[in-house]
Amino acid sequence: MRLPVELTRWDRFDAALQARFYPEGEWPGKEGECFWVSCKAVPSEQVSALRDVLERDAIPQLVEWAKGIEALDGCSPFRREKQAFTYQYPLLHE
């Protein structure tokens, strides 16, 4: 990904890896476009298994999603809208 990425561990959300794309002017205080990626913490006994799933499946899907947005022409209406990506953690049951 070429655009700036903000990464946050945020436990307010569902057990998931989530990302949002913010077009120019949509994130207060930030110039230009950017992605905000957040993920929820997991219990230590689930870290290893979840890491494998995230590295093998979730992160490649996230990168493909983000590259699809970056590949759009800057004047594309789709690139001028906020967009979201969610990958639910498969191992957690709350």
PDB file of N, CA and C in Angstrom:
ATOM      1  N   MET A   1       0.852  -1.172   0.000  1.00  0.00           N
ATOM      2  CA  MET A   1       0.000   0.000   0.000  1.00  0.00           C
ATOM      3  C   MET A   1       0.897   1.233   0.000  1.00  0.00           C
ATOM      4  N   ARG A   2       0.491   2.195  -0.762  1.00  0.00           N
ATOM      5  CA  ARG A   2       1.271   3.426  -0.858  1.00  0.00           C
ATOM      6  C   ARG A   2       0.728   4.541   0.025  1.00  0.00           C
ATOM      7  N   LEU A   3      -0.569   4.533   0.274  1.00  0.00           N
ATOM      8  CA  LEU A   3      -1.178   5.591   1.082  1.00  0.00           C
ATOM      9  C   LEU A   3      -0.821   5.408   2.554  1.00  0.00           C
ATOM     10  N   PRO A   4      -0.849   6.480   3.325  1.00  0.00           N
ATOM     11  CA  PRO A   4      -0.562   6.366   4.756  1.00  0.00           C
ATOM     12  C   PRO A   4      -1.537   5.412   5.456  1.00  0.00           C
ATOM     13  N   VAL A   5      -1.013   4.709   6.461  1.00  0.00           N
ATOM     14  CA  VAL A   5      -1.816   3.765   7.240  1.00  0.00           C
ATOM     15  C   VAL A   5      -1.644   4.088   8.712  1.00  0.00           C
ATOM     16  N   GLU A   6      -2.762   4.266   9.415  1.00  0.00           N
ATOM     17  CA  GLU A   6      -2.776   4.425  10.869  1.00  0.00           C
ATOM     18  C   GLU A   6      -3.187   3.075  11.445  1.00  0.00           C
ATOM     19  N   LEU A   7      -2.447   2.554  12.414  1.00  0.00           N
ATOM     20  CA  LEU A   7      -2.768   1.266  13.019  1.00  0.00           C
ATOM     21  C   LEU A   7      -3.043   1.460  14.500  1.00  0.00           C
ATOM     22  N   THR A   8      -4.161   0.901  14.966  1.00  0.00           N
ATOM     23  CA  THR A   8      -4.592   1.066  16.343  1.00  0.00           C
ATOM     24  C   THR A   8      -5.109  -0.252  16.891  1.00  0.00           C
ATOM     25  N   ARG A   9      -4.759  -0.572  18.127  1.00  0.00           N
ATOM     26  CA  ARG A   9      -5.448  -1.660  18.822  1.00  0.00           C
ATOM     27  C   ARG A   9      -6.616  -1.022  19.537  1.00  0.00           C
ATOM     28  N   TRP A  10      -7.810  -1.446  19.202  1.00  0.00           N
ATOM     29  CA  TRP A  10      -8.992  -0.791  19.711  1.00  0.00           C
ATOM     30  C   TRP A  10      -9.993  -1.855  20.122  1.00  0.00           C
ATOM     31  N   ASP A  11     -10.277  -1.955  21.414  1.00  0.00           N
ATOM     32  CA  ASP A  11     -11.142  -3.010  21.918  1.00  0.00           C
ATOM     33  C   ASP A  11     -12.621  -2.638  21.953  1.00  0.00           C
ATOM     34  N   ARG A  12     -12.983  -1.521  21.395  1.00  0.00           N
ATOM     35  CA  ARG A  12     -14.396  -1.139  21.335  1.00  0.00           C
ATOM     36  C   ARG A  12     -15.147  -1.905  20.252  1.00  0.00           C
ATOM     37  N   PHE A  13     -14.424  -2.384  19.264  1.00  0.00           N
ATOM     38  CA  PHE A  13     -15.049  -3.038  18.126  1.00  0.00           C
ATOM     39  C   PHE A  13     -15.207  -4.528  18.363  1.00  0.00           C
ATOM     40  N   ASP A  14     -15.920  -5.161  17.449  1.00  0.00           N
ATOM     41  CA  ASP A  14     -16.042  -6.613  17.470  1.00  0.00           C
ATOM     42  C   ASP A  14     -14.660  -7.238  17.354  1.00  0.00           C
ATOM     43  N   ALA A  15     -14.594  -8.545  17.641  1.00  0.00           N
ATOM     44  CA  ALA A  15     -13.334  -9.273  17.514  1.00  0.00           C
ATOM     45  C   ALA A  15     -13.007  -9.400  16.028  1.00  0.00           C
ATOM     46  N   ALA A  16     -12.249  -8.437  15.537  1.00  0.00           N
ATOM     47  CA  ALA A  16     -12.003  -8.377  14.101  1.00  0.00           C
ATOM     48  C   ALA A  16     -10.790  -7.519  13.782  1.00  0.00           C
ATOM     49  N   LEU A  17     -10.299  -7.731  12.579  1.00  0.00           N
ATOM     50  CA  LEU A  17      -9.352  -6.821  11.947  1.00  0.00           C
ATOM     51  C   LEU A  17     -10.218  -5.937  11.062  1.00  0.00           C
ATOM     52  N   GLN A  18     -10.178  -4.647  11.282  1.00  0.00           N
ATOM     53  CA  GLN A  18     -11.013  -3.726  10.527  1.00  0.00           C
ATOM     54  C   GLN A  18     -10.165  -2.630   9.922  1.00  0.00           C
ATOM     55  N   ALA A  19     -10.618  -2.121   8.801  1.00  0.00           N
ATOM     56  CA  ALA A  19      -9.936  -1.002   8.163  1.00  0.00           C
ATOM     57  C   ALA A  19     -10.979  -0.077   7.562  1.00  0.00           C
ATOM     58  N   ARG A  20     -10.609   1.171   7.517  1.00  0.00           N
ATOM     59  CA  ARG A  20     -11.453   2.164   6.885  1.00  0.00           C
ATOM     60  C   ARG A  20     -10.570   3.008   5.970  1.00  0.00           C
ATOM     61  N   PHE A  21     -11.133   3.357   4.836  1.00  0.00           N
ATOM     62  CA  PHE A  21     -10.463   4.255   3.908  1.00  0.00           C
ATOM     63  C   PHE A  21     -11.113   5.618   4.037  1.00  0.00           C
ATOM     64  N   TYR A  22     -10.279   6.628   4.238  1.00  0.00           N
ATOM     65  CA  TYR A  22     -10.761   8.001   4.349  1.00  0.00           C
ATOM     66  C   TYR A  22     -10.236   8.804   3.161  1.00  0.00           C
ATOM     67  N   PRO A  23     -11.140   9.277   2.291  1.00  0.00           N
ATOM     68  CA  PRO A  23     -10.708  10.126   1.182  1.00  0.00           C
ATOM     69  C   PRO A  23     -10.222  11.489   1.692  1.00  0.00           C
ATOM     70  N   GLU A  24      -9.659  12.222   0.815  1.00  0.00           N
ATOM     71  CA  GLU A  24      -9.189  13.584   1.112  1.00  0.00           C
ATOM     72  C   GLU A  24     -10.269  14.362   1.851  1.00  0.00           C
ATOM     73  N   GLY A  25      -9.894  14.944   2.997  1.00  0.00           N
ATOM     74  CA  GLY A  25     -10.792  15.808   3.750  1.00  0.00           C
ATOM     75  C   GLY A  25     -11.790  15.107   4.652  1.00  0.00           C
ATOM     76  N   GLU A  26     -11.780  13.781   4.705  1.00  0.00           N
ATOM     77  CA  GLU A  26     -12.760  13.047   5.508  1.00  0.00           C
ATOM     78  C   GLU A  26     -12.273  12.703   6.906  1.00  0.00           C
ATOM     79  N   TRP A  27     -10.975  12.804   7.167  1.00  0.00           N
ATOM     80  CA  TRP A  27     -10.444  12.537   8.504  1.00  0.00           C
ATOM     81  C   TRP A  27      -9.992  13.881   9.071  1.00  0.00           C
ATOM     82  N   PRO A  28     -10.706  14.404  10.044  1.00  0.00           N
ATOM     83  CA  PRO A  28     -10.361  15.713  10.590  1.00  0.00           C
ATOM     84  C   PRO A  28      -8.905  15.771  11.073  1.00  0.00           C
ATOM     85  N   GLY A  29      -8.225  16.802  10.665  1.00  0.00           N
ATOM     86  CA  GLY A  29      -6.850  17.008  11.090  1.00  0.00           C
ATOM     87  C   GLY A  29      -5.805  16.282  10.255  1.00  0.00           C
ATOM     88  N   LYS A  30      -6.221  15.502   9.292  1.00  0.00           N
ATOM     89  CA  LYS A  30      -5.292  14.778   8.416  1.00  0.00           C
ATOM     90  C   LYS A  30      -5.426  15.320   7.002  1.00  0.00           C
ATOM     91  N   GLU A  31      -4.283  15.474   6.362  1.00  0.00           N
ATOM     92  CA  GLU A  31      -4.293  15.879   4.966  1.00  0.00           C
ATOM     93  C   GLU A  31      -4.177  14.643   4.089  1.00  0.00           C
ATOM     94  N   GLY A  32      -4.869  14.656   2.978  1.00  0.00           N
ATOM     95  CA  GLY A  32      -4.784  13.576   2.021  1.00  0.00           C
ATOM     96  C   GLY A  32      -5.627  12.372   2.413  1.00  0.00           C
ATOM     97  N   GLU A  33      -5.483  11.328   1.618  1.00  0.00           N
ATOM     98  CA  GLU A  33      -6.197  10.086   1.852  1.00  0.00           C
ATOM     99  C   GLU A  33      -5.414   9.221   2.831  1.00  0.00           C
ATOM    100  N   CYS A  34      -6.116   8.329   3.518  1.00  0.00           N
ATOM    101  CA  CYS A  34      -5.399   7.396   4.393  1.00  0.00           C
ATOM    102  C   CYS A  34      -6.290   6.215   4.753  1.00  0.00           C
ATOM    103  N   PHE A  35      -5.646   5.177   5.249  1.00  0.00           N
ATOM    104  CA  PHE A  35      -6.326   4.005   5.773  1.00  0.00           C
ATOM    105  C   PHE A  35      -6.143   3.995   7.285  1.00  0.00           C
ATOM    106  N   TRP A  36      -7.189   3.636   7.999  1.00  0.00           N
ATOM    107  CA  TRP A  36      -7.096   3.418   9.439  1.00  0.00           C
ATOM    108  C   TRP A  36      -7.383   1.953   9.673  1.00  0.00           C
ATOM    109  N   VAL A  37      -6.421   1.246  10.216  1.00  0.00           N
ATOM    110  CA  VAL A  37      -6.544  -0.179  10.488  1.00  0.00           C
ATOM    111  C   VAL A  37      -6.593  -0.355  12.002  1.00  0.00           C
ATOM    112  N   SER A  38      -7.574  -1.121  12.468  1.00  0.00           N
ATOM    113  CA  SER A  38      -7.683  -1.383  13.897  1.00  0.00           C
ATOM    114  C   SER A  38      -7.921  -2.872  14.109  1.00  0.00           C
ATOM    115  N   CYS A  39      -7.495  -3.328  15.264  1.00  0.00           N
ATOM    116  CA  CYS A  39      -7.705  -4.734  15.596  1.00  0.00           C
ATOM    117  C   CYS A  39      -7.947  -4.851  17.091  1.00  0.00           C
ATOM    118  N   LYS A  40      -8.687  -5.872  17.448  1.00  0.00           N
ATOM    119  CA  LYS A  40      -8.999  -6.117  18.845  1.00  0.00           C
ATOM    120  C   LYS A  40      -7.980  -7.077  19.433  1.00  0.00           C
ATOM    121  N   ALA A  41      -7.614  -6.861  20.675  1.00  0.00           N
ATOM    122  CA  ALA A  41      -6.715  -7.774  21.381  1.00  0.00           C
ATOM    123  C   ALA A  41      -7.435  -9.099  21.635  1.00  0.00           C
ATOM    124  N   VAL A  42      -6.658 -10.162  21.783  1.00  0.00           N
ATOM    125  CA  VAL A  42      -7.230 -11.480  22.063  1.00  0.00           C
ATOM    126  C   VAL A  42      -6.543 -12.078  23.286  1.00  0.00           C
ATOM    127  N   PRO A  43      -7.189 -13.046  23.922  1.00  0.00           N
ATOM    128  CA  PRO A  43      -6.541 -13.723  25.047  1.00  0.00           C
ATOM    129  C   PRO A  43      -5.230 -14.370  24.604  1.00  0.00           C
ATOM    130  N   SER A  44      -4.252 -14.355  25.481  1.00  0.00           N
ATOM    131  CA  SER A  44      -2.911 -14.837  25.117  1.00  0.00           C
ATOM    132  C   SER A  44      -2.911 -16.272  24.612  1.00  0.00           C
ATOM    133  N   GLU A  45      -3.826 -17.110  25.099  1.00  0.00           N
ATOM    134  CA  GLU A  45      -3.833 -18.508  24.649  1.00  0.00           C
ATOM    135  C   GLU A  45      -4.333 -18.651  23.203  1.00  0.00           C
ATOM    136  N   GLN A  46      -4.893 -17.589  22.636  1.00  0.00           N
ATOM    137  CA  GLN A  46      -5.373 -17.643  21.256  1.00  0.00           C
ATOM    138  C   GLN A  46      -4.461 -16.913  20.271  1.00  0.00           C
ATOM    139  N   VAL A  47      -3.437 -16.250  20.774  1.00  0.00           N
ATOM    140  CA  VAL A  47      -2.603 -15.407  19.930  1.00  0.00           C
ATOM    141  C   VAL A  47      -1.943 -16.183  18.796  1.00  0.00           C
ATOM    142  N   SER A  48      -1.319 -17.280  19.089  1.00  0.00           N
ATOM    143  CA  SER A  48      -0.568 -18.018  18.069  1.00  0.00           C
ATOM    144  C   SER A  48      -1.474 -18.491  16.932  1.00  0.00           C
ATOM    145  N   ALA A  49      -2.581 -19.113  17.273  1.00  0.00           N
ATOM    146  CA  ALA A  49      -3.493 -19.617  16.245  1.00  0.00           C
ATOM    147  C   ALA A  49      -4.082 -18.467  15.428  1.00  0.00           C
ATOM    148  N   LEU A  50      -4.469 -17.394  16.100  1.00  0.00           N
ATOM    149  CA  LEU A  50      -5.053 -16.267  15.389  1.00  0.00           C
ATOM    150  C   LEU A  50      -4.018 -15.570  14.512  1.00  0.00           C
ATOM    151  N   ARG A  51      -2.800 -15.454  14.983  1.00  0.00           N
ATOM    152  CA  ARG A  51      -1.736 -14.845  14.173  1.00  0.00           C
ATOM    153  C   ARG A  51      -1.586 -15.590  12.853  1.00  0.00           C
ATOM    154  N   ASP A  52      -1.594 -16.914  12.909  1.00  0.00           N
ATOM    155  CA  ASP A  52      -1.473 -17.712  11.689  1.00  0.00           C
ATOM    156  C   ASP A  52      -2.605 -17.402  10.711  1.00  0.00           C
ATOM    157  N   VAL A  53      -3.831 -17.325  11.214  1.00  0.00           N
ATOM    158  CA  VAL A  53      -4.986 -17.033  10.366  1.00  0.00           C
ATOM    159  C   VAL A  53      -4.881 -15.625   9.783  1.00  0.00           C
ATOM    160  N   LEU A  54      -4.502 -14.674  10.609  1.00  0.00           N
ATOM    161  CA  LEU A  54      -4.395 -13.297  10.131  1.00  0.00           C
ATOM    162  C   LEU A  54      -3.323 -13.161   9.057  1.00  0.00           C
ATOM    163  N   GLU A  55      -2.165 -13.775   9.280  1.00  0.00           N
ATOM    164  CA  GLU A  55      -1.081 -13.667   8.307  1.00  0.00           C
ATOM    165  C   GLU A  55      -1.412 -14.397   7.008  1.00  0.00           C
ATOM    166  N   ARG A  56      -2.096 -15.523   7.110  1.00  0.00           N
ATOM    167  CA  ARG A  56      -2.379 -16.347   5.940  1.00  0.00           C
ATOM    168  C   ARG A  56      -3.605 -15.842   5.164  1.00  0.00           C
ATOM    169  N   ASP A  57      -4.604 -15.314   5.852  1.00  0.00           N
ATOM    170  CA  ASP A  57      -5.881 -15.006   5.207  1.00  0.00           C
ATOM    171  C   ASP A  57      -6.281 -13.531   5.310  1.00  0.00           C
ATOM    172  N   ALA A  58      -6.343 -13.004   6.524  1.00  0.00           N
ATOM    173  CA  ALA A  58      -6.893 -11.657   6.731  1.00  0.00           C
ATOM    174  C   ALA A  58      -6.024 -10.558   6.124  1.00  0.00           C
ATOM    175  N   ILE A  59      -4.740 -10.596   6.391  1.00  0.00           N
ATOM    176  CA  ILE A  59      -3.874  -9.514   5.895  1.00  0.00           C
ATOM    177  C   ILE A  59      -3.805  -9.501   4.373  1.00  0.00           C
ATOM    178  N   PRO A  60      -3.671 -10.664   3.698  1.00  0.00           N
ATOM    179  CA  PRO A  60      -3.725 -10.613   2.230  1.00  0.00           C
ATOM    180  C   PRO A  60      -5.041 -10.037   1.695  1.00  0.00           C
ATOM    181  N   GLN A  61      -6.166 -10.355   2.352  1.00  0.00           N
ATOM    182  CA  GLN A  61      -7.446  -9.777   1.926  1.00  0.00           C
ATOM    183  C   GLN A  61      -7.467  -8.264   2.144  1.00  0.00           C
ATOM    184  N   LEU A  62      -6.945  -7.819   3.279  1.00  0.00           N
ATOM    185  CA  LEU A  62      -6.873  -6.391   3.573  1.00  0.00           C
ATOM    186  C   LEU A  62      -6.020  -5.662   2.533  1.00  0.00           C
ATOM    187  N   VAL A  63      -4.864  -6.217   2.229  1.00  0.00           N
ATOM    188  CA  VAL A  63      -3.963  -5.588   1.249  1.00  0.00           C
ATOM    189  C   VAL A  63      -4.623  -5.538  -0.128  1.00  0.00           C
ATOM    190  N   GLU A  64      -5.284  -6.616  -0.536  1.00  0.00           N
ATOM    191  CA  GLU A  64      -5.972  -6.633  -1.827  1.00  0.00           C
ATOM    192  C   GLU A  64      -7.067  -5.564  -1.873  1.00  0.00           C
ATOM    193  N   TRP A  65      -7.837  -5.439  -0.793  1.00  0.00           N
ATOM    194  CA  TRP A  65      -8.878  -4.419  -0.705  1.00  0.00           C
ATOM    195  C   TRP A  65      -8.272  -3.021  -0.840  1.00  0.00           C
ATOM    196  N   ALA A  66      -7.209  -2.753  -0.083  1.00  0.00           N
ATOM    197  CA  ALA A  66      -6.583  -1.425  -0.101  1.00  0.00           C
ATOM    198  C   ALA A  66      -5.960  -1.118  -1.464  1.00  0.00           C
ATOM    199  N   LYS A  67      -5.303  -2.090  -2.059  1.00  0.00           N
ATOM    200  CA  LYS A  67      -4.696  -1.865  -3.377  1.00  0.00           C
ATOM    201  C   LYS A  67      -5.764  -1.608  -4.440  1.00  0.00           C
ATOM    202  N   GLY A  68      -6.928  -2.244  -4.283  1.00  0.00           N
ATOM    203  CA  GLY A  68      -8.025  -1.980  -5.203  1.00  0.00           C
ATOM    204  C   GLY A  68      -8.477  -0.525  -5.139  1.00  0.00           C
ATOM    205  N   ILE A  69      -8.506   0.028  -3.952  1.00  0.00           N
ATOM    206  CA  ILE A  69      -8.863   1.444  -3.794  1.00  0.00           C
ATOM    207  C   ILE A  69      -7.764   2.321  -4.377  1.00  0.00           C
ATOM    208  N   GLU A  70      -6.513   2.013  -4.050  1.00  0.00           N
ATOM    209  CA  GLU A  70      -5.397   2.815  -4.556  1.00  0.00           C
ATOM    210  C   GLU A  70      -5.308   2.786  -6.082  1.00  0.00           C
ATOM    211  N   ALA A  71      -5.736   1.702  -6.706  1.00  0.00           N
ATOM    212  CA  ALA A  71      -5.649   1.565  -8.157  1.00  0.00           C
ATOM    213  C   ALA A  71      -6.682   2.414  -8.889  1.00  0.00           C
ATOM    214  N   LEU A  72      -7.708   2.864  -8.166  1.00  0.00           N
ATOM    215  CA  LEU A  72      -8.730   3.689  -8.805  1.00  0.00           C
ATOM    216  C   LEU A  72      -8.173   5.056  -9.161  1.00  0.00           C
ATOM    217  N   ASP A  73      -8.662   5.607 -10.233  1.00  0.00           N
ATOM    218  CA  ASP A  73      -8.317   6.964 -10.629  1.00  0.00           C
ATOM    219  C   ASP A  73      -8.717   7.921  -9.506  1.00  0.00           C
ATOM    220  N   GLY A  74      -7.924   8.940  -9.289  1.00  0.00           N
ATOM    221  CA  GLY A  74      -8.195   9.909  -8.230  1.00  0.00           C
ATOM    222  C   GLY A  74      -9.526  10.625  -8.382  1.00  0.00           C
ATOM    223  N   CYS A  75     -10.077  10.646  -9.582  1.00  0.00           N
ATOM    224  CA  CYS A  75     -11.372  11.293  -9.820  1.00  0.00           C
ATOM    225  C   CYS A  75     -12.536  10.311  -9.720  1.00  0.00           C
ATOM    226  N   SER A  76     -12.248   9.043  -9.482  1.00  0.00           N
ATOM    227  CA  SER A  76     -13.300   8.037  -9.392  1.00  0.00           C
ATOM    228  C   SER A  76     -14.240   8.351  -8.235  1.00  0.00           C
ATOM    229  N   PRO A  77     -15.550   8.318  -8.469  1.00  0.00           N
ATOM    230  CA  PRO A  77     -16.493   8.556  -7.370  1.00  0.00           C
ATOM    231  C   PRO A  77     -16.323   7.532  -6.243  1.00  0.00           C
ATOM    232  N   PHE A  78     -15.971   6.314  -6.588  1.00  0.00           N
ATOM    233  CA  PHE A  78     -15.782   5.274  -5.575  1.00  0.00           C
ATOM    234  C   PHE A  78     -14.598   5.610  -4.663  1.00  0.00           C
ATOM    235  N   ARG A  79     -13.561   6.224  -5.234  1.00  0.00           N
ATOM    236  CA  ARG A  79     -12.387   6.585  -4.425  1.00  0.00           C
ATOM    237  C   ARG A  79     -12.652   7.819  -3.572  1.00  0.00           C
ATOM    238  N   ARG A  80     -13.683   8.529  -3.828  1.00  0.00           N
ATOM    239  CA  ARG A  80     -14.005   9.739  -3.077  1.00  0.00           C
ATOM    240  C   ARG A  80     -14.955   9.445  -1.913  1.00  0.00           C
ATOM    241  N   GLU A  81     -15.275   8.156  -1.665  1.00  0.00           N
ATOM    242  CA  GLU A  81     -16.184   7.785  -0.591  1.00  0.00           C
ATOM    243  C   GLU A  81     -15.455   7.014   0.499  1.00  0.00           C
ATOM    244  N   LYS A  82     -15.926   7.161   1.743  1.00  0.00           N
ATOM    245  CA  LYS A  82     -15.411   6.333   2.830  1.00  0.00           C
ATOM    246  C   LYS A  82     -15.768   4.883   2.527  1.00  0.00           C
ATOM    247  N   GLN A  83     -14.858   3.972   2.880  1.00  0.00           N
ATOM    248  CA  GLN A  83     -15.091   2.555   2.639  1.00  0.00           C
ATOM    249  C   GLN A  83     -14.568   1.769   3.827  1.00  0.00           C
ATOM    250  N   ALA A  84     -15.074   0.550   3.979  1.00  0.00           N
ATOM    251  CA  ALA A  84     -14.687  -0.246   5.140  1.00  0.00           C
ATOM    252  C   ALA A  84     -14.400  -1.695   4.753  1.00  0.00           C
ATOM    253  N   PHE A  85     -13.532  -2.309   5.546  1.00  0.00           N
ATOM    254  CA  PHE A  85     -13.146  -3.715   5.413  1.00  0.00           C
ATOM    255  C   PHE A  85     -13.237  -4.333   6.809  1.00  0.00           C
ATOM    256  N   THR A  86     -13.798  -5.528   6.908  1.00  0.00           N
ATOM    257  CA  THR A  86     -13.865  -6.228   8.190  1.00  0.00           C
ATOM    258  C   THR A  86     -13.535  -7.700   7.985  1.00  0.00           C
ATOM    259  N   TYR A  87     -12.658  -8.218   8.831  1.00  0.00           N
ATOM    260  CA  TYR A  87     -12.353  -9.643   8.866  1.00  0.00           C
ATOM    261  C   TYR A  87     -12.596 -10.099  10.302  1.00  0.00           C
ATOM    262  N   GLN A  88     -13.691 -10.822  10.515  1.00  0.00           N
ATOM    263  CA  GLN A  88     -14.031 -11.296  11.849  1.00  0.00           C
ATOM    264  C   GLN A  88     -13.042 -12.368  12.288  1.00  0.00           C
ATOM    265  N   TYR A  89     -12.605 -12.309  13.533  1.00  0.00           N
ATOM    266  CA  TYR A  89     -11.727 -13.347  14.077  1.00  0.00           C
ATOM    267  C   TYR A  89     -12.508 -14.655  14.144  1.00  0.00           C
ATOM    268  N   PRO A  90     -12.005 -15.712  13.558  1.00  0.00           N
ATOM    269  CA  PRO A  90     -12.752 -16.971  13.539  1.00  0.00           C
ATOM    270  C   PRO A  90     -12.680 -17.763  14.832  1.00  0.00           C
ATOM    271  N   LEU A  91     -11.762 -17.429  15.732  1.00  0.00           N
ATOM    272  CA  LEU A  91     -11.530 -18.262  16.902  1.00  0.00           C
ATOM    273  C   LEU A  91     -12.194 -17.766  18.178  1.00  0.00           C
ATOM    274  N   LEU A  92     -12.756 -16.588  18.144  1.00  0.00           N
ATOM    275  CA  LEU A  92     -13.306 -16.001  19.368  1.00  0.00           C
ATOM    276  C   LEU A  92     -14.815 -16.137  19.421  1.00  0.00           C
ATOM    277  N   HIS A  93     -15.294 -16.406  20.604  1.00  0.00           N
ATOM    278  CA  HIS A  93     -16.734 -16.451  20.853  1.00  0.00           C
ATOM    279  C   HIS A  93     -16.991 -15.611  22.088  1.00  0.00           C
ATOM    280  N   GLU A  94     -17.665 -14.498  21.900  1.00  0.00           N
ATOM    281  CA  GLU A  94     -17.918 -13.602  23.026  1.00  0.00           C
ATOM    282  C   GLU A  94     -19.296 -13.814  23.578  1.00  0.00           C
TER     283      GLU A  94
END
